[in-house]
Amino acid sequence: MRVHVAILLAVLSVAYSSPVAAQDTAEDILREQVEQVLYGMIGESIDRQLKVVDLDGAGNVAVGILHRTDAHDTDGEHRGIIHTVISEVYVMLSGWGTLLTSSEMTNATQPSAGGDVVGPTYSAQAVGGTVREIAEGDIVVIPAGTLHAWLSIPDHVTYLSIRPDPHGALPAGYVRAEIR
């Protein structure tokens, strides 16, 4: 877990390296809080936002926990989702699966509002793309506008999703009720 946090901090420092005045506080999400939300969501949801932190004029950054099983893959179909303004950084905590990413797509749906988790989102069929196995300890950066889909999850994948939000699409100051 410490390695994941160190990598996350490095990714965020690059994502938000604009000359903004430093804040005098930092936001914490404790391991116990992540576990509490994770165990409370299994069987109910695949994605729970933990916090959305305002970066003092440089947009927001959101942190979510996701847990998917074989019931949440596409069974090999190359159709996925695209977040129009939110990028994601997956930090794999456990499990493994086959992930597809693509910048070329067809048969797109109309974007939806996407809610408090990922902002405006739509789905489409991938044309080509990259298919790779992702496992515990791996990190994947998925830029906004990139189609992504779990083609196969043999058992489960559990991962943090760090969501840089330079446009302020997500609700700044959001904190999941279970961890307030």
N, C-alpha and C. Protein backbone atom coordinates (compact mmCIF):
# COMPACT_ATOMS: atom_id res chain seq x y z
N MET A 1 0.82 -1.19 0.00
CA MET A 1 0.00 0.00 0.00
C MET A 1 0.87 1.26 0.00
N ARG A 2 2.00 1.26 0.72
CA ARG A 2 2.88 2.42 0.76
C ARG A 2 3.46 2.73 -0.61
N VAL A 3 3.80 1.68 -1.36
CA VAL A 3 4.32 1.88 -2.71
C VAL A 3 3.26 2.54 -3.58
N HIS A 4 2.01 2.10 -3.45
CA HIS A 4 0.92 2.69 -4.22
C HIS A 4 0.75 4.16 -3.89
N VAL A 5 0.84 4.53 -2.63
CA VAL A 5 0.69 5.92 -2.22
C VAL A 5 1.83 6.76 -2.78
N ALA A 6 3.06 6.26 -2.74
CA ALA A 6 4.20 7.00 -3.28
C ALA A 6 4.04 7.23 -4.78
N ILE A 7 3.60 6.23 -5.48
CA ILE A 7 3.40 6.35 -6.93
C ILE A 7 2.29 7.34 -7.20
N LEU A 8 1.22 7.27 -6.43
CA LEU A 8 0.10 8.19 -6.59
C LEU A 8 0.57 9.63 -6.41
N LEU A 9 1.36 9.90 -5.40
CA LEU A 9 1.85 11.25 -5.17
C LEU A 9 2.71 11.73 -6.33
N ALA A 10 3.52 10.86 -6.88
CA ALA A 10 4.35 11.23 -8.03
C ALA A 10 3.48 11.56 -9.24
N VAL A 11 2.46 10.76 -9.50
CA VAL A 11 1.56 11.00 -10.63
C VAL A 11 0.84 12.32 -10.46
N LEU A 12 0.33 12.57 -9.28
CA LEU A 12 -0.40 13.81 -9.04
C LEU A 12 0.50 15.04 -9.13
N SER A 13 1.74 14.93 -8.70
CA SER A 13 2.63 16.08 -8.79
C SER A 13 2.92 16.45 -10.23
N VAL A 14 2.98 15.45 -11.12
CA VAL A 14 3.17 15.72 -12.54
C VAL A 14 1.89 16.26 -13.15
N ALA A 15 0.74 15.69 -12.78
CA ALA A 15 -0.54 16.10 -13.35
C ALA A 15 -0.88 17.54 -12.98
N TYR A 16 -0.46 17.98 -11.82
CA TYR A 16 -0.78 19.32 -11.35
C TYR A 16 0.47 20.10 -11.02
N SER A 17 1.36 20.24 -11.97
CA SER A 17 2.62 20.95 -11.72
C SER A 17 2.53 22.41 -12.14
N SER A 18 1.32 22.99 -12.11
CA SER A 18 1.17 24.39 -12.45
C SER A 18 1.60 25.26 -11.28
N PRO A 19 1.98 26.52 -11.54
CA PRO A 19 2.46 27.39 -10.47
C PRO A 19 1.30 27.94 -9.64
N VAL A 20 0.74 27.12 -8.78
CA VAL A 20 -0.36 27.51 -7.90
C VAL A 20 0.20 27.59 -6.49
N ALA A 21 -0.29 28.54 -5.74
CA ALA A 21 0.16 28.67 -4.35
C ALA A 21 -0.12 27.39 -3.58
N ALA A 22 0.84 26.98 -2.76
CA ALA A 22 0.69 25.76 -1.97
C ALA A 22 -0.39 25.94 -0.92
N GLN A 23 -1.16 24.88 -0.69
CA GLN A 23 -2.15 24.88 0.38
C GLN A 23 -1.46 24.50 1.67
N ASP A 24 -1.98 24.98 2.78
CA ASP A 24 -1.35 24.67 4.06
C ASP A 24 -1.90 23.40 4.70
N THR A 25 -2.82 22.75 4.01
CA THR A 25 -3.35 21.49 4.52
C THR A 25 -3.27 20.43 3.43
N ALA A 26 -3.39 19.20 3.83
CA ALA A 26 -3.43 18.08 2.90
C ALA A 26 -4.65 17.24 3.25
N GLU A 27 -5.14 16.50 2.30
CA GLU A 27 -6.29 15.63 2.52
C GLU A 27 -5.81 14.21 2.72
N ASP A 28 -6.35 13.55 3.72
CA ASP A 28 -6.00 12.16 4.00
C ASP A 28 -7.18 11.25 3.68
N ILE A 29 -6.86 10.09 3.19
CA ILE A 29 -7.81 8.98 3.11
C ILE A 29 -7.08 7.80 3.72
N LEU A 30 -7.52 7.39 4.87
CA LEU A 30 -6.82 6.35 5.61
C LEU A 30 -7.17 4.96 5.08
N ARG A 31 -6.23 4.05 5.25
CA ARG A 31 -6.42 2.66 4.81
C ARG A 31 -7.72 2.08 5.37
N GLU A 32 -8.00 2.33 6.63
CA GLU A 32 -9.22 1.83 7.26
C GLU A 32 -10.47 2.38 6.57
N GLN A 33 -10.41 3.64 6.13
CA GLN A 33 -11.54 4.24 5.43
C GLN A 33 -11.76 3.59 4.07
N VAL A 34 -10.67 3.35 3.35
CA VAL A 34 -10.76 2.68 2.04
C VAL A 34 -11.37 1.30 2.23
N GLU A 35 -10.88 0.56 3.21
CA GLU A 35 -11.39 -0.79 3.46
C GLU A 35 -12.86 -0.77 3.87
N GLN A 36 -13.26 0.20 4.68
CA GLN A 36 -14.65 0.30 5.10
C GLN A 36 -15.57 0.51 3.91
N VAL A 37 -15.21 1.41 3.02
CA VAL A 37 -16.03 1.66 1.84
C VAL A 37 -16.02 0.44 0.93
N LEU A 38 -14.85 -0.15 0.72
CA LEU A 38 -14.73 -1.32 -0.16
C LEU A 38 -15.61 -2.46 0.33
N TYR A 39 -15.51 -2.82 1.59
CA TYR A 39 -16.28 -3.95 2.09
C TYR A 39 -17.78 -3.66 2.11
N GLY A 40 -18.14 -2.39 2.26
CA GLY A 40 -19.56 -2.02 2.23
C GLY A 40 -20.16 -1.99 0.84
N MET A 41 -19.33 -1.94 -0.19
CA MET A 41 -19.86 -1.83 -1.56
C MET A 41 -19.92 -3.16 -2.30
N ILE A 42 -19.20 -4.18 -1.83
CA ILE A 42 -19.15 -5.45 -2.56
C ILE A 42 -20.56 -6.03 -2.67
N GLY A 43 -20.94 -6.32 -3.90
CA GLY A 43 -22.26 -6.84 -4.19
C GLY A 43 -23.29 -5.75 -4.46
N GLU A 44 -22.96 -4.49 -4.17
CA GLU A 44 -23.89 -3.38 -4.37
C GLU A 44 -23.49 -2.46 -5.52
N SER A 45 -22.19 -2.20 -5.64
CA SER A 45 -21.70 -1.20 -6.57
C SER A 45 -20.31 -1.61 -7.03
N ILE A 46 -19.89 -1.06 -8.16
CA ILE A 46 -18.52 -1.32 -8.61
C ILE A 46 -17.61 -0.11 -8.41
N ASP A 47 -18.18 1.06 -8.13
CA ASP A 47 -17.39 2.29 -8.09
C ASP A 47 -17.94 3.20 -7.01
N ARG A 48 -17.10 3.54 -6.06
CA ARG A 48 -17.49 4.48 -5.01
C ARG A 48 -16.44 5.59 -4.92
N GLN A 49 -16.91 6.80 -5.08
CA GLN A 49 -16.04 7.95 -4.89
C GLN A 49 -15.74 8.09 -3.40
N LEU A 50 -14.49 8.33 -3.05
CA LEU A 50 -14.11 8.54 -1.65
C LEU A 50 -14.08 10.03 -1.32
N LYS A 51 -13.31 10.79 -2.09
CA LYS A 51 -13.21 12.23 -1.90
C LYS A 51 -12.96 12.93 -3.23
N VAL A 52 -13.42 14.18 -3.30
CA VAL A 52 -13.06 15.08 -4.38
C VAL A 52 -12.45 16.30 -3.71
N VAL A 53 -11.17 16.54 -3.98
CA VAL A 53 -10.42 17.59 -3.31
C VAL A 53 -10.22 18.78 -4.25
N ASP A 54 -10.58 19.96 -3.80
CA ASP A 54 -10.35 21.20 -4.53
C ASP A 54 -8.86 21.54 -4.42
N LEU A 55 -8.23 21.78 -5.57
CA LEU A 55 -6.80 22.09 -5.58
C LEU A 55 -6.54 23.59 -5.67
N ASP A 56 -7.38 24.35 -5.01
CA ASP A 56 -7.16 25.79 -4.84
C ASP A 56 -6.95 26.50 -6.18
N GLY A 57 -7.91 26.36 -7.07
CA GLY A 57 -7.86 27.06 -8.34
C GLY A 57 -7.27 26.28 -9.49
N ALA A 58 -6.72 25.11 -9.22
CA ALA A 58 -6.12 24.30 -10.28
C ALA A 58 -7.00 23.10 -10.62
N GLY A 59 -8.29 23.19 -10.33
CA GLY A 59 -9.20 22.08 -10.56
C GLY A 59 -9.35 21.23 -9.32
N ASN A 60 -9.74 19.99 -9.53
CA ASN A 60 -9.95 19.03 -8.45
C ASN A 60 -9.16 17.77 -8.72
N VAL A 61 -9.08 16.93 -7.72
CA VAL A 61 -8.64 15.56 -7.91
C VAL A 61 -9.57 14.69 -7.07
N ALA A 62 -10.03 13.61 -7.67
CA ALA A 62 -10.93 12.69 -6.99
C ALA A 62 -10.24 11.35 -6.80
N VAL A 63 -10.62 10.65 -5.74
CA VAL A 63 -10.12 9.32 -5.46
C VAL A 63 -11.31 8.42 -5.25
N GLY A 64 -11.36 7.32 -5.99
CA GLY A 64 -12.42 6.34 -5.85
C GLY A 64 -11.85 4.95 -5.66
N ILE A 65 -12.68 4.06 -5.15
CA ILE A 65 -12.31 2.64 -5.02
C ILE A 65 -13.26 1.86 -5.92
N LEU A 66 -12.72 0.92 -6.67
CA LEU A 66 -13.53 0.09 -7.56
C LEU A 66 -13.27 -1.37 -7.29
N HIS A 67 -14.32 -2.17 -7.40
CA HIS A 67 -14.21 -3.62 -7.25
C HIS A 67 -15.11 -4.25 -8.30
N ARG A 68 -14.52 -5.03 -9.18
CA ARG A 68 -15.27 -5.70 -10.24
C ARG A 68 -15.00 -7.20 -10.17
N THR A 69 -16.02 -7.97 -10.52
CA THR A 69 -15.88 -9.42 -10.62
C THR A 69 -16.10 -9.82 -12.07
N ASP A 70 -16.10 -11.14 -12.32
CA ASP A 70 -16.33 -11.61 -13.68
C ASP A 70 -17.71 -11.20 -14.21
N ALA A 71 -18.63 -10.85 -13.33
CA ALA A 71 -19.94 -10.37 -13.76
C ALA A 71 -19.88 -8.96 -14.32
N HIS A 72 -18.73 -8.27 -14.13
CA HIS A 72 -18.58 -6.89 -14.56
C HIS A 72 -17.59 -6.72 -15.71
N ASP A 73 -17.33 -7.79 -16.46
CA ASP A 73 -16.48 -7.63 -17.64
C ASP A 73 -17.37 -7.67 -18.89
N THR A 74 -16.77 -7.50 -20.05
CA THR A 74 -17.56 -7.42 -21.29
C THR A 74 -17.65 -8.76 -22.01
N ASP A 75 -17.13 -9.82 -21.39
CA ASP A 75 -17.09 -11.14 -22.04
C ASP A 75 -16.40 -11.06 -23.41
N GLY A 76 -15.38 -10.23 -23.48
CA GLY A 76 -14.59 -10.12 -24.71
C GLY A 76 -15.09 -9.10 -25.70
N GLU A 77 -16.30 -8.57 -25.51
CA GLU A 77 -16.81 -7.55 -26.43
C GLU A 77 -15.95 -6.30 -26.30
N HIS A 78 -15.62 -5.69 -27.42
CA HIS A 78 -14.73 -4.53 -27.42
C HIS A 78 -15.51 -3.22 -27.35
N ARG A 79 -16.53 -3.18 -26.52
CA ARG A 79 -17.30 -1.97 -26.28
C ARG A 79 -16.93 -1.46 -24.89
N GLY A 80 -16.67 -0.17 -24.78
CA GLY A 80 -16.25 0.38 -23.51
C GLY A 80 -16.82 1.76 -23.27
N ILE A 81 -16.32 2.39 -22.21
CA ILE A 81 -16.78 3.72 -21.85
C ILE A 81 -15.68 4.74 -22.07
N ILE A 82 -16.12 5.98 -22.24
CA ILE A 82 -15.20 7.09 -22.48
C ILE A 82 -15.65 8.23 -21.58
N HIS A 83 -14.74 8.76 -20.77
CA HIS A 83 -15.03 9.93 -19.95
C HIS A 83 -14.51 11.14 -20.73
N THR A 84 -15.38 12.10 -20.99
CA THR A 84 -15.00 13.19 -21.89
C THR A 84 -14.02 14.19 -21.29
N VAL A 85 -14.07 14.43 -19.98
CA VAL A 85 -13.18 15.44 -19.39
C VAL A 85 -12.35 14.92 -18.21
N ILE A 86 -12.61 13.71 -17.76
CA ILE A 86 -11.91 13.16 -16.60
C ILE A 86 -10.94 12.07 -17.05
N SER A 87 -9.67 12.23 -16.67
CA SER A 87 -8.68 11.17 -16.87
C SER A 87 -8.72 10.27 -15.64
N GLU A 88 -8.15 9.07 -15.75
CA GLU A 88 -8.10 8.17 -14.60
C GLU A 88 -6.71 7.54 -14.50
N VAL A 89 -6.29 7.33 -13.28
CA VAL A 89 -5.07 6.57 -13.01
C VAL A 89 -5.51 5.39 -12.15
N TYR A 90 -5.41 4.17 -12.70
CA TYR A 90 -5.76 2.96 -11.95
C TYR A 90 -4.53 2.49 -11.18
N VAL A 91 -4.70 2.27 -9.89
CA VAL A 91 -3.65 1.69 -9.05
C VAL A 91 -4.21 0.35 -8.57
N MET A 92 -3.72 -0.74 -9.15
CA MET A 92 -4.27 -2.06 -8.90
C MET A 92 -3.87 -2.57 -7.51
N LEU A 93 -4.88 -2.85 -6.69
CA LEU A 93 -4.65 -3.33 -5.33
C LEU A 93 -4.67 -4.85 -5.24
N SER A 94 -5.58 -5.49 -5.99
CA SER A 94 -5.63 -6.96 -5.99
C SER A 94 -6.35 -7.46 -7.23
N GLY A 95 -6.11 -8.75 -7.53
CA GLY A 95 -6.74 -9.40 -8.67
C GLY A 95 -6.02 -9.09 -9.98
N TRP A 96 -6.64 -9.55 -11.08
CA TRP A 96 -6.10 -9.29 -12.40
C TRP A 96 -7.20 -9.44 -13.43
N GLY A 97 -6.95 -8.83 -14.60
CA GLY A 97 -7.91 -8.93 -15.69
C GLY A 97 -7.29 -8.42 -16.97
N THR A 98 -8.08 -8.47 -18.04
CA THR A 98 -7.63 -8.02 -19.35
C THR A 98 -8.33 -6.71 -19.67
N LEU A 99 -7.53 -5.66 -19.85
CA LEU A 99 -8.04 -4.32 -20.09
C LEU A 99 -7.78 -3.90 -21.53
N LEU A 100 -8.78 -3.29 -22.15
CA LEU A 100 -8.68 -2.73 -23.49
C LEU A 100 -8.70 -1.21 -23.38
N THR A 101 -7.82 -0.54 -24.11
CA THR A 101 -7.89 0.92 -24.27
C THR A 101 -7.77 1.22 -25.76
N SER A 102 -8.48 2.28 -26.18
CA SER A 102 -8.44 2.65 -27.60
C SER A 102 -8.80 4.12 -27.76
N SER A 103 -8.15 4.76 -28.71
CA SER A 103 -8.50 6.14 -29.05
C SER A 103 -9.36 6.20 -30.30
N GLU A 104 -9.49 5.05 -30.98
CA GLU A 104 -10.33 4.99 -32.17
C GLU A 104 -11.58 4.20 -31.85
N MET A 105 -12.74 4.75 -32.24
CA MET A 105 -14.00 4.09 -31.89
C MET A 105 -15.09 4.39 -32.91
N THR A 106 -16.16 3.62 -32.80
CA THR A 106 -17.31 3.77 -33.67
C THR A 106 -18.58 3.47 -32.86
N ASN A 107 -19.74 3.76 -33.44
CA ASN A 107 -21.04 3.48 -32.81
C ASN A 107 -21.15 4.08 -31.40
N ALA A 108 -20.80 5.34 -31.28
CA ALA A 108 -20.84 6.01 -29.98
C ALA A 108 -22.27 6.39 -29.60
N THR A 109 -22.54 6.34 -28.30
CA THR A 109 -23.81 6.81 -27.76
C THR A 109 -23.69 8.30 -27.43
N GLN A 110 -24.80 8.92 -27.10
CA GLN A 110 -24.78 10.32 -26.66
C GLN A 110 -24.20 10.39 -25.25
N PRO A 111 -23.38 11.39 -24.96
CA PRO A 111 -22.83 11.50 -23.60
C PRO A 111 -23.92 11.71 -22.55
N SER A 112 -23.72 11.08 -21.40
CA SER A 112 -24.60 11.29 -20.25
C SER A 112 -23.88 12.23 -19.29
N ALA A 113 -24.60 12.71 -18.29
CA ALA A 113 -23.99 13.60 -17.30
C ALA A 113 -22.90 12.89 -16.52
N GLY A 114 -23.04 11.59 -16.28
CA GLY A 114 -21.99 10.81 -15.62
C GLY A 114 -21.95 10.87 -14.12
N GLY A 115 -22.62 11.78 -13.48
CA GLY A 115 -22.70 11.81 -12.03
C GLY A 115 -21.44 12.30 -11.33
N ASP A 116 -21.40 12.08 -10.02
CA ASP A 116 -20.33 12.59 -9.17
C ASP A 116 -19.03 11.82 -9.29
N VAL A 117 -19.01 10.74 -10.05
CA VAL A 117 -17.84 9.89 -10.08
C VAL A 117 -16.92 10.20 -11.25
N VAL A 118 -17.45 10.32 -12.45
CA VAL A 118 -16.60 10.45 -13.63
C VAL A 118 -16.99 11.57 -14.59
N GLY A 119 -17.98 12.35 -14.28
CA GLY A 119 -18.38 13.42 -15.18
C GLY A 119 -18.99 12.87 -16.47
N PRO A 120 -19.12 13.72 -17.50
CA PRO A 120 -19.76 13.31 -18.75
C PRO A 120 -19.10 12.06 -19.35
N THR A 121 -19.93 11.08 -19.73
CA THR A 121 -19.46 9.77 -20.16
C THR A 121 -20.34 9.24 -21.29
N TYR A 122 -19.75 8.47 -22.19
CA TYR A 122 -20.52 7.77 -23.21
C TYR A 122 -19.86 6.43 -23.48
N SER A 123 -20.49 5.61 -24.31
CA SER A 123 -19.90 4.32 -24.67
C SER A 123 -19.75 4.24 -26.18
N ALA A 124 -18.86 3.34 -26.61
CA ALA A 124 -18.60 3.16 -28.04
C ALA A 124 -17.94 1.80 -28.25
N GLN A 125 -17.82 1.43 -29.51
CA GLN A 125 -17.15 0.21 -29.92
C GLN A 125 -15.71 0.56 -30.30
N ALA A 126 -14.74 -0.16 -29.73
CA ALA A 126 -13.33 0.10 -30.04
C ALA A 126 -13.00 -0.35 -31.46
N VAL A 127 -12.16 0.42 -32.12
CA VAL A 127 -11.57 0.04 -33.39
C VAL A 127 -10.08 -0.12 -33.10
N GLY A 128 -9.63 -1.36 -33.09
CA GLY A 128 -8.23 -1.60 -32.72
C GLY A 128 -8.04 -1.37 -31.23
N GLY A 129 -6.89 -0.80 -30.88
CA GLY A 129 -6.61 -0.51 -29.48
C GLY A 129 -5.54 -1.43 -28.93
N THR A 130 -5.33 -1.31 -27.63
CA THR A 130 -4.33 -2.10 -26.93
C THR A 130 -5.01 -2.97 -25.88
N VAL A 131 -4.71 -4.25 -25.92
CA VAL A 131 -5.24 -5.21 -24.96
C VAL A 131 -4.06 -5.69 -24.12
N ARG A 132 -4.23 -5.61 -22.78
CA ARG A 132 -3.15 -6.07 -21.92
C ARG A 132 -3.70 -6.61 -20.62
N GLU A 133 -2.92 -7.52 -20.00
CA GLU A 133 -3.28 -8.03 -18.68
C GLU A 133 -2.77 -7.06 -17.63
N ILE A 134 -3.64 -6.76 -16.66
CA ILE A 134 -3.32 -5.83 -15.58
C ILE A 134 -3.49 -6.60 -14.28
N ALA A 135 -2.51 -6.48 -13.37
CA ALA A 135 -2.55 -7.23 -12.12
C ALA A 135 -2.11 -6.35 -10.95
N GLU A 136 -2.25 -6.91 -9.76
CA GLU A 136 -1.87 -6.23 -8.53
C GLU A 136 -0.50 -5.57 -8.67
N GLY A 137 -0.43 -4.30 -8.26
CA GLY A 137 0.82 -3.55 -8.33
C GLY A 137 0.98 -2.74 -9.60
N ASP A 138 0.20 -3.05 -10.65
CA ASP A 138 0.29 -2.30 -11.90
C ASP A 138 -0.44 -0.97 -11.78
N ILE A 139 -0.03 -0.03 -12.62
CA ILE A 139 -0.66 1.29 -12.69
C ILE A 139 -0.94 1.57 -14.16
N VAL A 140 -2.14 2.07 -14.44
CA VAL A 140 -2.53 2.41 -15.81
C VAL A 140 -3.05 3.84 -15.81
N VAL A 141 -2.55 4.67 -16.74
CA VAL A 141 -3.04 6.03 -16.90
C VAL A 141 -3.95 6.05 -18.12
N ILE A 142 -5.20 6.46 -17.92
CA ILE A 142 -6.19 6.49 -19.00
C ILE A 142 -6.61 7.95 -19.22
N PRO A 143 -6.10 8.59 -20.27
CA PRO A 143 -6.44 10.00 -20.52
C PRO A 143 -7.93 10.17 -20.84
N ALA A 144 -8.47 11.34 -20.53
CA ALA A 144 -9.84 11.68 -20.92
C ALA A 144 -9.99 11.45 -22.42
N GLY A 145 -11.13 10.95 -22.84
CA GLY A 145 -11.39 10.68 -24.25
C GLY A 145 -10.93 9.32 -24.73
N THR A 146 -10.35 8.51 -23.84
CA THR A 146 -9.86 7.18 -24.21
C THR A 146 -10.88 6.12 -23.82
N LEU A 147 -11.29 5.29 -24.77
CA LEU A 147 -12.18 4.17 -24.48
C LEU A 147 -11.44 3.18 -23.61
N HIS A 148 -12.14 2.64 -22.60
CA HIS A 148 -11.55 1.59 -21.77
C HIS A 148 -12.63 0.60 -21.36
N ALA A 149 -12.22 -0.68 -21.29
CA ALA A 149 -13.15 -1.76 -20.96
C ALA A 149 -12.38 -2.94 -20.40
N TRP A 150 -12.95 -3.57 -19.39
CA TRP A 150 -12.40 -4.83 -18.88
C TRP A 150 -12.99 -5.94 -19.73
N LEU A 151 -12.18 -6.55 -20.60
CA LEU A 151 -12.65 -7.62 -21.48
C LEU A 151 -12.88 -8.91 -20.71
N SER A 152 -12.01 -9.18 -19.75
CA SER A 152 -12.10 -10.42 -18.98
C SER A 152 -11.57 -10.17 -17.57
N ILE A 153 -12.33 -10.65 -16.59
CA ILE A 153 -11.91 -10.62 -15.19
C ILE A 153 -12.15 -12.03 -14.66
N PRO A 154 -11.12 -12.87 -14.60
CA PRO A 154 -11.32 -14.25 -14.16
C PRO A 154 -11.92 -14.39 -12.76
N ASP A 155 -11.52 -13.54 -11.83
CA ASP A 155 -12.08 -13.60 -10.48
C ASP A 155 -12.54 -12.20 -10.05
N HIS A 156 -11.56 -11.28 -9.85
CA HIS A 156 -11.89 -9.91 -9.46
C HIS A 156 -10.73 -8.97 -9.77
N VAL A 157 -11.04 -7.68 -9.80
CA VAL A 157 -10.03 -6.63 -9.77
C VAL A 157 -10.51 -5.60 -8.75
N THR A 158 -9.59 -5.16 -7.92
CA THR A 158 -9.87 -4.09 -6.97
C THR A 158 -8.79 -3.04 -7.17
N TYR A 159 -9.21 -1.79 -7.36
CA TYR A 159 -8.23 -0.76 -7.66
C TYR A 159 -8.72 0.61 -7.22
N LEU A 160 -7.74 1.48 -6.93
CA LEU A 160 -8.03 2.88 -6.71
C LEU A 160 -8.09 3.54 -8.07
N SER A 161 -8.98 4.50 -8.23
CA SER A 161 -9.00 5.32 -9.43
C SER A 161 -8.76 6.76 -8.98
N ILE A 162 -7.63 7.31 -9.39
CA ILE A 162 -7.29 8.69 -9.13
C ILE A 162 -7.75 9.47 -10.36
N ARG A 163 -8.58 10.49 -10.14
CA ARG A 163 -9.22 11.18 -11.26
C ARG A 163 -8.84 12.67 -11.27
N PRO A 164 -7.78 13.03 -11.99
CA PRO A 164 -7.47 14.45 -12.14
C PRO A 164 -8.63 15.16 -12.86
N ASP A 165 -9.03 16.29 -12.34
CA ASP A 165 -10.21 17.00 -12.84
C ASP A 165 -9.87 18.49 -13.01
N PRO A 166 -9.06 18.84 -14.02
CA PRO A 166 -8.64 20.23 -14.17
C PRO A 166 -9.77 21.18 -14.52
N HIS A 167 -10.91 20.67 -15.01
CA HIS A 167 -12.04 21.50 -15.42
C HIS A 167 -13.09 21.68 -14.32
N GLY A 168 -12.92 21.02 -13.18
CA GLY A 168 -13.88 21.16 -12.09
C GLY A 168 -15.23 20.52 -12.38
N ALA A 169 -15.23 19.42 -13.13
CA ALA A 169 -16.49 18.73 -13.46
C ALA A 169 -17.07 17.96 -12.28
N LEU A 170 -16.22 17.53 -11.36
CA LEU A 170 -16.67 16.76 -10.20
C LEU A 170 -16.91 17.70 -9.02
N PRO A 171 -17.75 17.31 -8.07
CA PRO A 171 -18.14 18.22 -6.97
C PRO A 171 -17.03 18.40 -5.92
N ALA A 172 -16.33 19.52 -6.00
CA ALA A 172 -15.25 19.81 -5.05
C ALA A 172 -15.77 19.74 -3.62
N GLY A 173 -14.97 19.14 -2.75
CA GLY A 173 -15.34 19.03 -1.35
C GLY A 173 -16.15 17.80 -1.00
N TYR A 174 -16.50 16.99 -2.01
CA TYR A 174 -17.28 15.78 -1.73
C TYR A 174 -16.46 14.83 -0.85
N VAL A 175 -17.12 14.29 0.17
CA VAL A 175 -16.53 13.25 1.02
C VAL A 175 -17.61 12.19 1.22
N ARG A 176 -17.28 10.95 0.92
CA ARG A 176 -18.22 9.84 1.09
C ARG A 176 -18.70 9.79 2.54
N ALA A 177 -19.98 9.60 2.74
CA ALA A 177 -20.58 9.65 4.07
C ALA A 177 -19.91 8.70 5.07
N GLU A 178 -19.53 7.50 4.62
CA GLU A 178 -18.94 6.52 5.53
C GLU A 178 -17.59 6.95 6.11
N ILE A 179 -16.91 7.93 5.47
CA ILE A 179 -15.58 8.30 5.95
C ILE A 179 -15.50 9.73 6.49
N ARG A 180 -16.62 10.36 6.64
CA ARG A 180 -16.62 11.73 7.20
C ARG A 180 -16.17 11.73 8.62
